[in-house]
Amino acid sequence: TPKPSRAHVREECRFIRPSAEKILEAVSLEWGVPIRAFVDGHRGEKNLARKVALWSLRQFGDYTYRQIADVVSLGSERTVGWACDEIKREARSNRLLQRRLRAIDERISQQRT
């Protein structure tokens, strides 16, 4: 049997993936910043939380870069890709970040059940 296309798989995932709102809520709780901070985009700790929010939407929700850019009012989907790469790279060596990403995953999993 032929393998389903990436577009087909993404379409099917749409029905089981957590909503963008649920993902942003989990990141907001873990980071202690309001969801609005993900849309406003400031430098510093809130900016790290925003990058984590972008990464989490991609990782846990399988949203496209364009969909994520629309959710957080970014003009460029390239910015989303850059932020996701930054978090992926940072998580390789930062154990605290790894723990926080796991905590977000657990919050999202609890919300699904």
Protein backbone atom coordinates (compact mmCIF):
# COMPACT_ATOMS: atom_id res chain seq x y z
CA THR A 1 0.00 0.00 0.00
CA PRO A 2 1.21 3.50 -0.73
CA LYS A 3 2.35 5.67 2.14
CA PRO A 4 0.02 8.61 2.93
CA SER A 5 1.33 12.04 2.01
CA ARG A 6 2.50 14.51 4.67
CA ALA A 7 -0.49 16.72 3.81
CA HIS A 8 -2.88 13.82 4.37
CA VAL A 9 -1.30 12.92 7.71
CA ARG A 10 -1.40 16.57 8.84
CA GLU A 11 -5.07 16.75 7.88
CA GLU A 12 -5.84 13.64 9.96
CA CYS A 13 -3.84 14.98 12.91
CA ARG A 14 -6.05 18.06 12.92
CA PHE A 15 -8.75 16.01 14.64
CA ILE A 16 -6.58 14.67 17.47
CA ARG A 17 -4.05 17.43 18.10
CA PRO A 18 -4.54 19.82 21.00
CA SER A 19 -5.85 23.26 20.15
CA ALA A 20 -3.46 26.18 19.86
CA GLU A 21 -5.22 27.73 22.85
CA LYS A 22 -4.56 24.67 25.03
CA ILE A 23 -0.90 24.60 24.04
CA LEU A 24 -0.45 28.32 24.73
CA GLU A 25 -2.24 27.91 28.06
CA ALA A 26 0.18 25.13 29.08
CA VAL A 27 3.20 27.28 28.16
CA SER A 28 1.68 30.26 29.96
CA LEU A 29 1.23 28.24 33.15
CA GLU A 30 4.74 26.79 33.01
CA TRP A 31 6.42 30.14 32.32
CA GLY A 32 4.15 32.28 34.47
CA VAL A 33 3.47 34.80 31.73
CA PRO A 34 0.13 35.77 30.20
CA ILE A 35 -0.78 34.33 26.82
CA ARG A 36 -0.80 37.90 25.52
CA ALA A 37 3.01 37.96 25.95
CA PHE A 38 3.30 35.41 23.13
CA VAL A 39 1.64 37.81 20.75
CA ASP A 40 3.38 41.00 21.92
CA GLY A 41 6.96 39.73 21.64
CA HIS A 42 9.44 41.42 24.00
CA ARG A 43 13.12 40.77 24.65
CA GLY A 44 14.26 38.78 27.68
CA GLU A 45 12.46 36.04 29.63
CA LYS A 46 9.11 36.68 27.96
CA ASN A 47 10.84 36.32 24.61
CA LEU A 48 12.14 32.89 25.64
CA ALA A 49 8.61 31.95 26.67
CA ARG A 50 7.39 33.12 23.28
CA LYS A 51 9.97 30.98 21.48
CA VAL A 52 8.90 28.01 23.60
CA ALA A 53 5.27 28.74 22.70
CA LEU A 54 6.14 28.71 18.99
CA TRP A 55 8.15 25.51 19.37
CA SER A 56 5.35 23.89 21.39
CA LEU A 57 2.73 24.71 18.76
CA ARG A 58 4.92 23.01 16.20
CA GLN A 59 5.98 20.07 18.37
CA PHE A 60 2.76 19.22 20.19
CA GLY A 61 0.20 20.54 17.73
CA ASP A 62 1.89 19.82 14.39
CA TYR A 63 0.84 23.25 13.18
CA THR A 64 2.57 24.64 10.11
CA TYR A 65 4.89 27.62 10.42
CA ARG A 66 2.27 29.73 8.63
CA GLN A 67 -0.50 28.65 11.04
CA ILE A 68 1.73 29.41 14.03
CA ALA A 69 2.68 32.82 12.62
CA ASP A 70 -1.03 33.61 12.25
CA VAL A 71 -1.83 32.51 15.81
CA VAL A 72 0.80 34.79 17.38
CA SER A 73 0.46 37.64 14.87
CA LEU A 74 3.87 37.24 13.26
CA GLY A 75 4.33 38.50 9.73
CA SER A 76 6.91 35.90 8.77
CA GLU A 77 6.79 32.16 9.08
CA ARG A 78 10.60 32.21 8.86
CA THR A 79 10.62 33.76 12.33
CA VAL A 80 8.72 30.73 13.60
CA GLY A 81 11.25 28.37 12.03
CA TRP A 82 14.13 30.32 13.54
CA ALA A 83 12.54 30.27 17.02
CA CYS A 84 11.85 26.52 16.79
CA ASP A 85 15.46 25.89 15.79
CA GLU A 86 16.68 28.05 18.69
CA ILE A 87 14.65 26.08 21.26
CA LYS A 88 15.65 22.74 19.73
CA ARG A 89 19.32 23.74 19.89
CA GLU A 90 19.07 25.15 23.43
CA ALA A 91 17.20 22.08 24.72
CA ARG A 92 20.06 19.80 23.72
CA SER A 93 22.26 21.13 26.52
CA ASN A 94 19.91 22.95 28.91
CA ARG A 95 18.44 20.49 31.40
CA LEU A 96 16.16 23.06 33.00
CA LEU A 97 14.65 23.83 29.61
CA GLN A 98 14.27 20.09 28.95
CA ARG A 99 12.35 19.72 32.23
CA ARG A 100 10.12 22.67 31.43
CA LEU A 101 9.35 21.31 27.95
CA ARG A 102 8.42 17.95 29.50
CA ALA A 103 6.21 19.75 32.01
CA ILE A 104 4.42 21.50 29.14
CA ASP A 105 3.94 18.17 27.37
CA GLU A 106 2.50 16.68 30.56
CA ARG A 107 0.09 19.61 31.00
CA ILE A 108 -1.10 19.22 27.43
CA SER A 109 -1.50 15.45 27.86
CA GLN A 110 -3.55 15.96 31.03
CA GLN A 111 -5.80 18.43 29.23
CA ARG A 112 -6.49 15.87 26.51
CA THR A 113 -7.81 13.24 28.89
